[in-house]
Amino acid sequence: MTTPTLQSIPLTLNDGSESSLGALGGKAVLVVNVASQCGFTPQYDALEALYERFHARGLEILGVPCNQFGGQEPGTDGEIADFCRKNFGVTFTLAAKADVNGPDAHPLYAALTNDGAEPVKWNFEKFLLNHDGEVLVRFGSAVTPDAPELVAAVDAALAA
């Protein structure tokens, strides 16, 4: 899939508004499928810290709530937003809840995992996109947002 197509994929945000990756202003974007009742849920703290550290340099984070892994995101979009704000102070962008795998996968995730890429294995997988919307690197769930390799990749993406 070409970059303009990836950036033009429609996104419904958690508040019901319509957007796209392109609307994030050509910034580097870390796309993360998130869940409120997962063992990796504490990564919200590190995601918010990463966002606060690099946002002024051009990083956006897009959290995509997903209930496909162990039913660990059962809430409504409003409940998810409240949970994220109250428990982790999340200020980065949250999309509406969506599937990331299978026939009902959101088109963004269908594009991120096309061309033979493995499907998303669990909550909190991370895709780092450059300012042109190209996937630079993918990190598994166990790689925390404050892991040196992830921080270095974000720093390099913003320097490019």
N, C-alpha and C. Protein backbone atom coordinates (compact mmCIF):
# COMPACT_ATOMS: atom_id res chain seq x y z
N MET A 1 0.85 -1.17 0.00
CA MET A 1 0.00 0.00 0.00
C MET A 1 0.89 1.23 0.00
N THR A 2 0.57 2.23 -0.76
CA THR A 2 1.40 3.41 -0.86
C THR A 2 1.17 4.34 0.33
N THR A 3 2.15 5.17 0.59
CA THR A 3 2.11 6.07 1.74
C THR A 3 0.88 6.96 1.74
N PRO A 4 0.55 7.65 0.62
CA PRO A 4 -0.63 8.51 0.68
C PRO A 4 -1.90 7.75 1.06
N THR A 5 -2.01 6.50 0.62
CA THR A 5 -3.18 5.71 0.96
C THR A 5 -3.22 5.42 2.46
N LEU A 6 -2.07 5.05 3.04
CA LEU A 6 -2.01 4.79 4.47
C LEU A 6 -2.41 6.04 5.25
N GLN A 7 -1.88 7.18 4.85
CA GLN A 7 -2.17 8.42 5.57
C GLN A 7 -3.61 8.89 5.37
N SER A 8 -4.25 8.43 4.31
CA SER A 8 -5.63 8.89 4.06
C SER A 8 -6.69 7.93 4.60
N ILE A 9 -6.28 6.83 5.22
CA ILE A 9 -7.25 5.89 5.78
C ILE A 9 -8.06 6.62 6.86
N PRO A 10 -9.38 6.60 6.75
CA PRO A 10 -10.20 7.28 7.76
C PRO A 10 -10.08 6.64 9.14
N LEU A 11 -10.04 7.48 10.15
CA LEU A 11 -10.01 7.04 11.53
C LEU A 11 -11.16 7.71 12.28
N THR A 12 -11.89 6.95 13.03
CA THR A 12 -12.85 7.54 13.96
C THR A 12 -12.15 7.62 15.30
N LEU A 13 -12.11 8.81 15.86
CA LEU A 13 -11.45 8.99 17.15
C LEU A 13 -12.39 8.63 18.28
N ASN A 14 -11.83 8.50 19.46
CA ASN A 14 -12.57 8.06 20.63
C ASN A 14 -13.76 8.96 20.96
N ASP A 15 -13.67 10.23 20.59
CA ASP A 15 -14.78 11.16 20.85
C ASP A 15 -15.82 11.17 19.74
N GLY A 16 -15.66 10.29 18.75
CA GLY A 16 -16.60 10.19 17.64
C GLY A 16 -16.26 11.05 16.44
N SER A 17 -15.25 11.91 16.56
CA SER A 17 -14.86 12.75 15.43
C SER A 17 -14.10 11.93 14.39
N GLU A 18 -14.10 12.42 13.17
CA GLU A 18 -13.43 11.72 12.07
C GLU A 18 -12.06 12.36 11.82
N SER A 19 -11.09 11.52 11.48
CA SER A 19 -9.74 12.00 11.25
C SER A 19 -9.02 11.01 10.33
N SER A 20 -7.69 11.14 10.26
CA SER A 20 -6.82 10.23 9.51
C SER A 20 -5.41 10.42 10.04
N LEU A 21 -4.50 9.52 9.67
CA LEU A 21 -3.10 9.71 10.05
C LEU A 21 -2.57 11.00 9.44
N GLY A 22 -2.98 11.29 8.23
CA GLY A 22 -2.53 12.51 7.57
C GLY A 22 -2.93 13.77 8.33
N ALA A 23 -4.04 13.70 9.06
CA ALA A 23 -4.49 14.86 9.84
C ALA A 23 -3.58 15.14 11.03
N LEU A 24 -2.71 14.20 11.35
CA LEU A 24 -1.78 14.42 12.46
C LEU A 24 -0.61 15.30 12.03
N GLY A 25 -0.66 15.81 10.82
CA GLY A 25 0.28 16.83 10.40
C GLY A 25 1.63 16.35 9.92
N GLY A 26 1.70 15.15 9.36
CA GLY A 26 2.98 14.68 8.83
C GLY A 26 4.02 14.44 9.90
N LYS A 27 3.59 14.00 11.06
CA LYS A 27 4.51 13.74 12.17
C LYS A 27 4.83 12.25 12.25
N ALA A 28 5.85 11.92 13.01
CA ALA A 28 6.09 10.52 13.32
C ALA A 28 4.96 10.06 14.24
N VAL A 29 4.47 8.84 14.03
CA VAL A 29 3.34 8.34 14.80
C VAL A 29 3.66 6.95 15.35
N LEU A 30 3.41 6.77 16.64
CA LEU A 30 3.50 5.46 17.25
C LEU A 30 2.07 4.96 17.40
N VAL A 31 1.74 3.90 16.65
CA VAL A 31 0.40 3.32 16.67
C VAL A 31 0.45 2.12 17.60
N VAL A 32 -0.44 2.10 18.61
CA VAL A 32 -0.43 1.06 19.63
C VAL A 32 -1.84 0.55 19.85
N ASN A 33 -2.03 -0.77 19.76
CA ASN A 33 -3.34 -1.32 20.13
C ASN A 33 -3.34 -1.51 21.64
N VAL A 34 -4.32 -0.90 22.30
CA VAL A 34 -4.33 -0.82 23.76
C VAL A 34 -5.54 -1.54 24.35
N ALA A 35 -5.44 -1.84 25.65
CA ALA A 35 -6.53 -2.49 26.38
C ALA A 35 -6.43 -2.12 27.85
N SER A 36 -7.56 -1.96 28.49
CA SER A 36 -7.62 -1.48 29.87
C SER A 36 -7.46 -2.57 30.92
N GLN A 37 -7.63 -3.82 30.54
CA GLN A 37 -7.58 -4.90 31.54
C GLN A 37 -6.52 -5.95 31.20
N CYS A 38 -5.39 -5.49 30.70
CA CYS A 38 -4.30 -6.35 30.25
C CYS A 38 -3.13 -6.22 31.21
N GLY A 39 -2.31 -7.25 31.27
CA GLY A 39 -1.10 -7.17 32.07
C GLY A 39 -0.16 -6.07 31.59
N PHE A 40 -0.29 -5.67 30.33
CA PHE A 40 0.54 -4.60 29.78
C PHE A 40 -0.09 -3.21 29.94
N THR A 41 -1.28 -3.12 30.53
CA THR A 41 -1.97 -1.85 30.68
C THR A 41 -1.11 -0.78 31.37
N PRO A 42 -0.25 -1.12 32.34
CA PRO A 42 0.59 -0.08 32.94
C PRO A 42 1.49 0.64 31.93
N GLN A 43 1.63 0.10 30.71
CA GLN A 43 2.40 0.80 29.69
C GLN A 43 1.79 2.15 29.32
N TYR A 44 0.53 2.37 29.67
CA TYR A 44 -0.06 3.69 29.43
C TYR A 44 0.79 4.79 30.07
N ASP A 45 1.31 4.54 31.28
CA ASP A 45 2.16 5.55 31.94
C ASP A 45 3.38 5.88 31.07
N ALA A 46 4.06 4.86 30.58
CA ALA A 46 5.25 5.08 29.77
C ALA A 46 4.90 5.68 28.40
N LEU A 47 3.75 5.30 27.85
CA LEU A 47 3.31 5.92 26.59
C LEU A 47 3.09 7.42 26.79
N GLU A 48 2.41 7.79 27.86
CA GLU A 48 2.18 9.21 28.14
C GLU A 48 3.49 9.94 28.37
N ALA A 49 4.43 9.34 29.10
CA ALA A 49 5.73 9.96 29.33
C ALA A 49 6.48 10.14 28.01
N LEU A 50 6.42 9.14 27.13
CA LEU A 50 7.06 9.24 25.82
C LEU A 50 6.44 10.38 25.02
N TYR A 51 5.12 10.47 25.06
CA TYR A 51 4.40 11.52 24.36
C TYR A 51 4.82 12.90 24.88
N GLU A 52 4.86 13.04 26.20
CA GLU A 52 5.25 14.33 26.78
C GLU A 52 6.69 14.68 26.43
N ARG A 53 7.55 13.69 26.38
CA ARG A 53 8.97 13.94 26.08
C ARG A 53 9.20 14.35 24.62
N PHE A 54 8.47 13.74 23.69
CA PHE A 54 8.77 13.94 22.27
C PHE A 54 7.70 14.67 21.47
N HIS A 55 6.58 14.97 22.06
CA HIS A 55 5.50 15.62 21.30
C HIS A 55 5.93 16.94 20.67
N ALA A 56 6.64 17.75 21.41
CA ALA A 56 7.07 19.05 20.88
C ALA A 56 8.02 18.90 19.69
N ARG A 57 8.69 17.75 19.57
CA ARG A 57 9.58 17.49 18.45
C ARG A 57 8.85 16.84 17.27
N GLY A 58 7.56 16.51 17.45
CA GLY A 58 6.80 15.98 16.33
C GLY A 58 6.28 14.57 16.47
N LEU A 59 6.27 14.01 17.68
CA LEU A 59 5.72 12.66 17.86
C LEU A 59 4.25 12.73 18.21
N GLU A 60 3.47 11.89 17.55
CA GLU A 60 2.08 11.65 17.93
C GLU A 60 1.97 10.19 18.33
N ILE A 61 1.10 9.92 19.26
CA ILE A 61 0.79 8.54 19.64
C ILE A 61 -0.69 8.33 19.36
N LEU A 62 -1.00 7.24 18.70
CA LEU A 62 -2.37 6.86 18.42
C LEU A 62 -2.65 5.55 19.12
N GLY A 63 -3.44 5.60 20.19
CA GLY A 63 -3.87 4.41 20.89
C GLY A 63 -5.15 3.89 20.25
N VAL A 64 -5.15 2.61 19.90
CA VAL A 64 -6.32 2.00 19.26
C VAL A 64 -6.85 0.91 20.20
N PRO A 65 -7.87 1.21 20.98
CA PRO A 65 -8.43 0.20 21.87
C PRO A 65 -8.96 -1.00 21.08
N CYS A 66 -8.68 -2.19 21.61
CA CYS A 66 -9.07 -3.42 20.91
C CYS A 66 -9.47 -4.47 21.94
N ASN A 67 -10.56 -5.16 21.66
CA ASN A 67 -11.08 -6.18 22.58
C ASN A 67 -10.86 -7.60 22.05
N GLN A 68 -9.95 -7.77 21.09
CA GLN A 68 -9.76 -9.08 20.45
C GLN A 68 -8.88 -10.04 21.24
N PHE A 69 -8.17 -9.56 22.23
CA PHE A 69 -7.22 -10.40 22.94
C PHE A 69 -7.69 -10.59 24.38
N GLY A 70 -8.31 -11.73 24.63
CA GLY A 70 -8.77 -12.06 25.97
C GLY A 70 -9.91 -11.20 26.48
N GLY A 71 -10.61 -10.49 25.60
CA GLY A 71 -11.72 -9.64 26.03
C GLY A 71 -11.27 -8.58 27.02
N GLN A 72 -10.05 -8.07 26.86
CA GLN A 72 -9.45 -7.18 27.84
C GLN A 72 -9.76 -5.70 27.63
N GLU A 73 -10.61 -5.39 26.66
CA GLU A 73 -11.07 -4.01 26.46
C GLU A 73 -12.57 -4.02 26.22
N PRO A 74 -13.36 -4.35 27.26
CA PRO A 74 -14.80 -4.48 27.07
C PRO A 74 -15.57 -3.16 27.09
N GLY A 75 -14.95 -2.09 27.53
CA GLY A 75 -15.67 -0.83 27.74
C GLY A 75 -16.10 -0.14 26.47
N THR A 76 -16.96 0.86 26.64
CA THR A 76 -17.35 1.74 25.54
C THR A 76 -16.23 2.74 25.31
N ASP A 77 -16.31 3.47 24.20
CA ASP A 77 -15.29 4.49 23.93
C ASP A 77 -15.22 5.50 25.06
N GLY A 78 -16.35 5.92 25.59
CA GLY A 78 -16.37 6.87 26.69
C GLY A 78 -15.74 6.31 27.95
N GLU A 79 -16.04 5.06 28.27
CA GLU A 79 -15.45 4.43 29.44
C GLU A 79 -13.94 4.28 29.30
N ILE A 80 -13.51 3.94 28.09
CA ILE A 80 -12.07 3.80 27.83
C ILE A 80 -11.37 5.14 28.02
N ALA A 81 -11.91 6.21 27.45
CA ALA A 81 -11.31 7.54 27.59
C ALA A 81 -11.23 7.95 29.05
N ASP A 82 -12.31 7.74 29.79
CA ASP A 82 -12.32 8.08 31.22
C ASP A 82 -11.26 7.28 31.98
N PHE A 83 -11.18 5.99 31.72
CA PHE A 83 -10.19 5.13 32.37
C PHE A 83 -8.77 5.64 32.10
N CYS A 84 -8.49 5.96 30.85
CA CYS A 84 -7.15 6.39 30.47
C CYS A 84 -6.78 7.73 31.12
N ARG A 85 -7.72 8.66 31.13
CA ARG A 85 -7.47 9.97 31.75
C ARG A 85 -7.30 9.85 33.26
N LYS A 86 -8.23 9.16 33.91
CA LYS A 86 -8.23 9.09 35.37
C LYS A 86 -7.06 8.28 35.93
N ASN A 87 -6.72 7.19 35.27
CA ASN A 87 -5.69 6.29 35.81
C ASN A 87 -4.28 6.56 35.31
N PHE A 88 -4.16 7.16 34.13
CA PHE A 88 -2.83 7.33 33.54
C PHE A 88 -2.58 8.74 33.00
N GLY A 89 -3.54 9.63 33.10
CA GLY A 89 -3.35 10.99 32.63
C GLY A 89 -3.13 11.09 31.13
N VAL A 90 -3.69 10.17 30.38
CA VAL A 90 -3.46 10.11 28.93
C VAL A 90 -3.97 11.37 28.24
N THR A 91 -3.08 11.98 27.46
CA THR A 91 -3.45 13.14 26.65
C THR A 91 -3.22 12.88 25.15
N PHE A 92 -2.57 11.76 24.81
CA PHE A 92 -2.37 11.44 23.39
C PHE A 92 -3.68 10.97 22.78
N THR A 93 -3.70 10.88 21.48
CA THR A 93 -4.92 10.57 20.73
C THR A 93 -5.35 9.11 20.91
N LEU A 94 -6.64 8.93 21.16
CA LEU A 94 -7.23 7.60 21.22
C LEU A 94 -8.24 7.47 20.08
N ALA A 95 -8.15 6.38 19.37
CA ALA A 95 -9.13 6.07 18.33
C ALA A 95 -10.33 5.38 18.97
N ALA A 96 -11.38 5.24 18.20
CA ALA A 96 -12.52 4.43 18.63
C ALA A 96 -12.06 2.97 18.68
N LYS A 97 -12.71 2.19 19.52
CA LYS A 97 -12.37 0.77 19.65
C LYS A 97 -12.52 0.10 18.29
N ALA A 98 -11.55 -0.77 17.96
CA ALA A 98 -11.55 -1.42 16.65
C ALA A 98 -10.87 -2.78 16.73
N ASP A 99 -11.16 -3.62 15.76
CA ASP A 99 -10.43 -4.88 15.59
C ASP A 99 -9.12 -4.58 14.87
N VAL A 100 -8.09 -5.36 15.22
CA VAL A 100 -6.79 -5.19 14.56
C VAL A 100 -6.41 -6.39 13.71
N ASN A 101 -7.16 -7.47 13.82
CA ASN A 101 -6.91 -8.70 13.05
C ASN A 101 -8.22 -9.20 12.45
N GLY A 102 -8.09 -10.07 11.46
CA GLY A 102 -9.25 -10.76 10.93
C GLY A 102 -10.02 -9.97 9.89
N PRO A 103 -11.16 -10.51 9.49
CA PRO A 103 -11.93 -9.91 8.40
C PRO A 103 -12.51 -8.54 8.75
N ASP A 104 -12.67 -8.24 10.04
CA ASP A 104 -13.20 -6.94 10.45
C ASP A 104 -12.11 -6.00 10.94
N ALA A 105 -10.86 -6.32 10.65
CA ALA A 105 -9.75 -5.46 11.08
C ALA A 105 -9.93 -4.06 10.50
N HIS A 106 -9.61 -3.07 11.33
CA HIS A 106 -9.66 -1.69 10.86
C HIS A 106 -8.72 -1.57 9.66
N PRO A 107 -9.09 -0.80 8.64
CA PRO A 107 -8.23 -0.64 7.46
C PRO A 107 -6.80 -0.19 7.78
N LEU A 108 -6.62 0.58 8.85
CA LEU A 108 -5.27 0.98 9.25
C LEU A 108 -4.45 -0.25 9.60
N TYR A 109 -5.01 -1.16 10.38
CA TYR A 109 -4.28 -2.36 10.76
C TYR A 109 -4.14 -3.33 9.60
N ALA A 110 -5.13 -3.37 8.74
CA ALA A 110 -5.01 -4.20 7.53
C ALA A 110 -3.80 -3.73 6.71
N ALA A 111 -3.62 -2.41 6.62
CA ALA A 111 -2.49 -1.85 5.88
C ALA A 111 -1.17 -2.08 6.62
N LEU A 112 -1.18 -1.93 7.94
CA LEU A 112 0.06 -2.11 8.71
C LEU A 112 0.56 -3.54 8.67
N THR A 113 -0.35 -4.49 8.50
CA THR A 113 0.06 -5.90 8.52
C THR A 113 -0.05 -6.56 7.14
N ASN A 114 -0.11 -5.75 6.08
CA ASN A 114 -0.18 -6.34 4.74
C ASN A 114 1.20 -6.78 4.29
N ASP A 115 1.29 -7.26 3.09
CA ASP A 115 2.56 -7.68 2.48
C ASP A 115 3.30 -8.72 3.32
N GLY A 116 2.56 -9.66 3.90
CA GLY A 116 3.18 -10.77 4.59
C GLY A 116 3.55 -10.51 6.04
N ALA A 117 3.28 -9.33 6.57
CA ALA A 117 3.58 -9.07 7.98
C ALA A 117 2.67 -9.94 8.85
N GLU A 118 3.18 -10.36 9.98
CA GLU A 118 2.38 -11.18 10.89
C GLU A 118 1.23 -10.36 11.46
N PRO A 119 0.11 -11.03 11.75
CA PRO A 119 -0.97 -10.32 12.44
C PRO A 119 -0.50 -9.87 13.82
N VAL A 120 -1.23 -8.95 14.39
CA VAL A 120 -0.94 -8.49 15.75
C VAL A 120 -1.14 -9.67 16.69
N LYS A 121 -0.18 -9.88 17.59
CA LYS A 121 -0.24 -11.05 18.47
C LYS A 121 -0.94 -10.78 19.79
N TRP A 122 -0.88 -9.54 20.30
CA TRP A 122 -1.46 -9.25 21.60
C TRP A 122 -1.59 -7.75 21.76
N ASN A 123 -2.18 -7.33 22.87
CA ASN A 123 -2.32 -5.92 23.19
C ASN A 123 -0.95 -5.24 23.33
N PHE A 124 -0.93 -3.98 23.02
CA PHE A 124 0.24 -3.11 23.18
C PHE A 124 1.39 -3.43 22.22
N GLU A 125 1.07 -3.97 21.02
CA GLU A 125 2.07 -4.00 19.96
C GLU A 125 2.18 -2.58 19.42
N LYS A 126 3.37 -2.23 18.95
CA LYS A 126 3.64 -0.86 18.56
C LYS A 126 4.24 -0.80 17.15
N PHE A 127 3.69 0.10 16.34
CA PHE A 127 4.22 0.37 15.00
C PHE A 127 4.69 1.82 14.99
N LEU A 128 5.96 2.05 14.68
CA LEU A 128 6.47 3.41 14.56
C LEU A 128 6.49 3.79 13.09
N LEU A 129 5.78 4.86 12.77
CA LEU A 129 5.70 5.36 11.40
C LEU A 129 6.49 6.65 11.28
N ASN A 130 7.14 6.84 10.13
CA ASN A 130 7.82 8.11 9.93
C ASN A 130 6.83 9.18 9.50
N HIS A 131 7.33 10.39 9.26
CA HIS A 131 6.45 11.51 8.92
C HIS A 131 5.73 11.32 7.58
N ASP A 132 6.19 10.37 6.77
CA ASP A 132 5.51 10.06 5.51
C ASP A 132 4.52 8.91 5.66
N GLY A 133 4.38 8.38 6.86
CA GLY A 133 3.44 7.28 7.10
C GLY A 133 3.99 5.91 6.78
N GLU A 134 5.30 5.78 6.62
CA GLU A 134 5.92 4.49 6.35
C GLU A 134 6.29 3.81 7.67
N VAL A 135 6.07 2.49 7.74
CA VAL A 135 6.44 1.75 8.95
C VAL A 135 7.95 1.65 9.02
N LEU A 136 8.50 2.19 10.11
CA LEU A 136 9.94 2.11 10.34
C LEU A 136 10.32 0.85 11.10
N VAL A 137 9.55 0.55 12.13
CA VAL A 137 9.87 -0.59 12.99
C VAL A 137 8.60 -0.98 13.75
N ARG A 138 8.58 -2.23 14.13
CA ARG A 138 7.46 -2.78 14.90
C ARG A 138 8.02 -3.40 16.16
N PHE A 139 7.36 -3.12 17.28
CA PHE A 139 7.78 -3.66 18.57
C PHE A 139 6.67 -4.51 19.16
N GLY A 140 7.04 -5.63 19.74
CA GLY A 140 6.08 -6.50 20.40
C GLY A 140 5.59 -5.91 21.71
N SER A 141 4.61 -6.57 22.28
CA SER A 141 3.97 -6.10 23.50
C SER A 141 4.93 -5.95 24.68
N ALA A 142 5.89 -6.83 24.79
CA ALA A 142 6.81 -6.80 25.94
C ALA A 142 7.81 -5.65 25.87
N VAL A 143 7.97 -5.04 24.72
CA VAL A 143 8.87 -3.89 24.60
C VAL A 143 8.11 -2.66 25.12
N THR A 144 8.56 -2.16 26.25
CA THR A 144 7.88 -1.04 26.87
C THR A 144 8.20 0.27 26.14
N PRO A 145 7.32 1.26 26.26
CA PRO A 145 7.56 2.54 25.59
C PRO A 145 8.81 3.27 26.07
N ASP A 146 9.34 2.89 27.24
CA ASP A 146 10.57 3.51 27.72
C ASP A 146 11.81 2.63 27.48
N ALA A 147 11.64 1.54 26.74
CA ALA A 147 12.77 0.68 26.40
C ALA A 147 13.76 1.46 25.54
N PRO A 148 15.07 1.29 25.80
CA PRO A 148 16.06 2.06 25.05
C PRO A 148 15.92 1.94 23.53
N GLU A 149 15.60 0.73 23.03
CA GLU A 149 15.50 0.56 21.58
C GLU A 149 14.30 1.31 21.01
N LEU A 150 13.22 1.39 21.74
CA LEU A 150 12.05 2.13 21.25
C LEU A 150 12.32 3.63 21.32
N VAL A 151 12.87 4.11 22.42
CA VAL A 151 13.19 5.53 22.57
C VAL A 151 14.18 5.96 21.48
N ALA A 152 15.19 5.13 21.22
CA ALA A 152 16.17 5.45 20.18
C ALA A 152 15.52 5.50 18.80
N ALA A 153 14.59 4.59 18.53
CA ALA A 153 13.91 4.58 17.25
C ALA A 153 13.05 5.84 17.08
N VAL A 154 12.36 6.25 18.13
CA VAL A 154 11.56 7.49 18.08
C VAL A 154 12.47 8.68 17.85
N ASP A 155 13.55 8.76 18.60
CA ASP A 155 14.50 9.87 18.45
C ASP A 155 15.04 9.94 17.02
N ALA A 156 15.39 8.79 16.45
CA ALA A 156 15.90 8.75 15.07
C ALA A 156 14.82 9.16 14.07
N ALA A 157 13.59 8.72 14.28
CA ALA A 157 12.50 9.08 13.37
C ALA A 157 12.27 10.57 13.38
N LEU A 158 12.39 11.19 14.53
CA LEU A 158 12.15 12.63 14.64
C LEU A 158 13.32 13.43 14.08
N ALA A 159 14.51 12.85 14.09
CA ALA A 159 15.70 13.54 13.59
C ALA A 159 15.79 13.48 12.07
N ALA A 160 15.08 12.53 11.47
CA ALA A 160 15.18 12.32 10.01
C ALA A 160 14.47 13.42 9.26
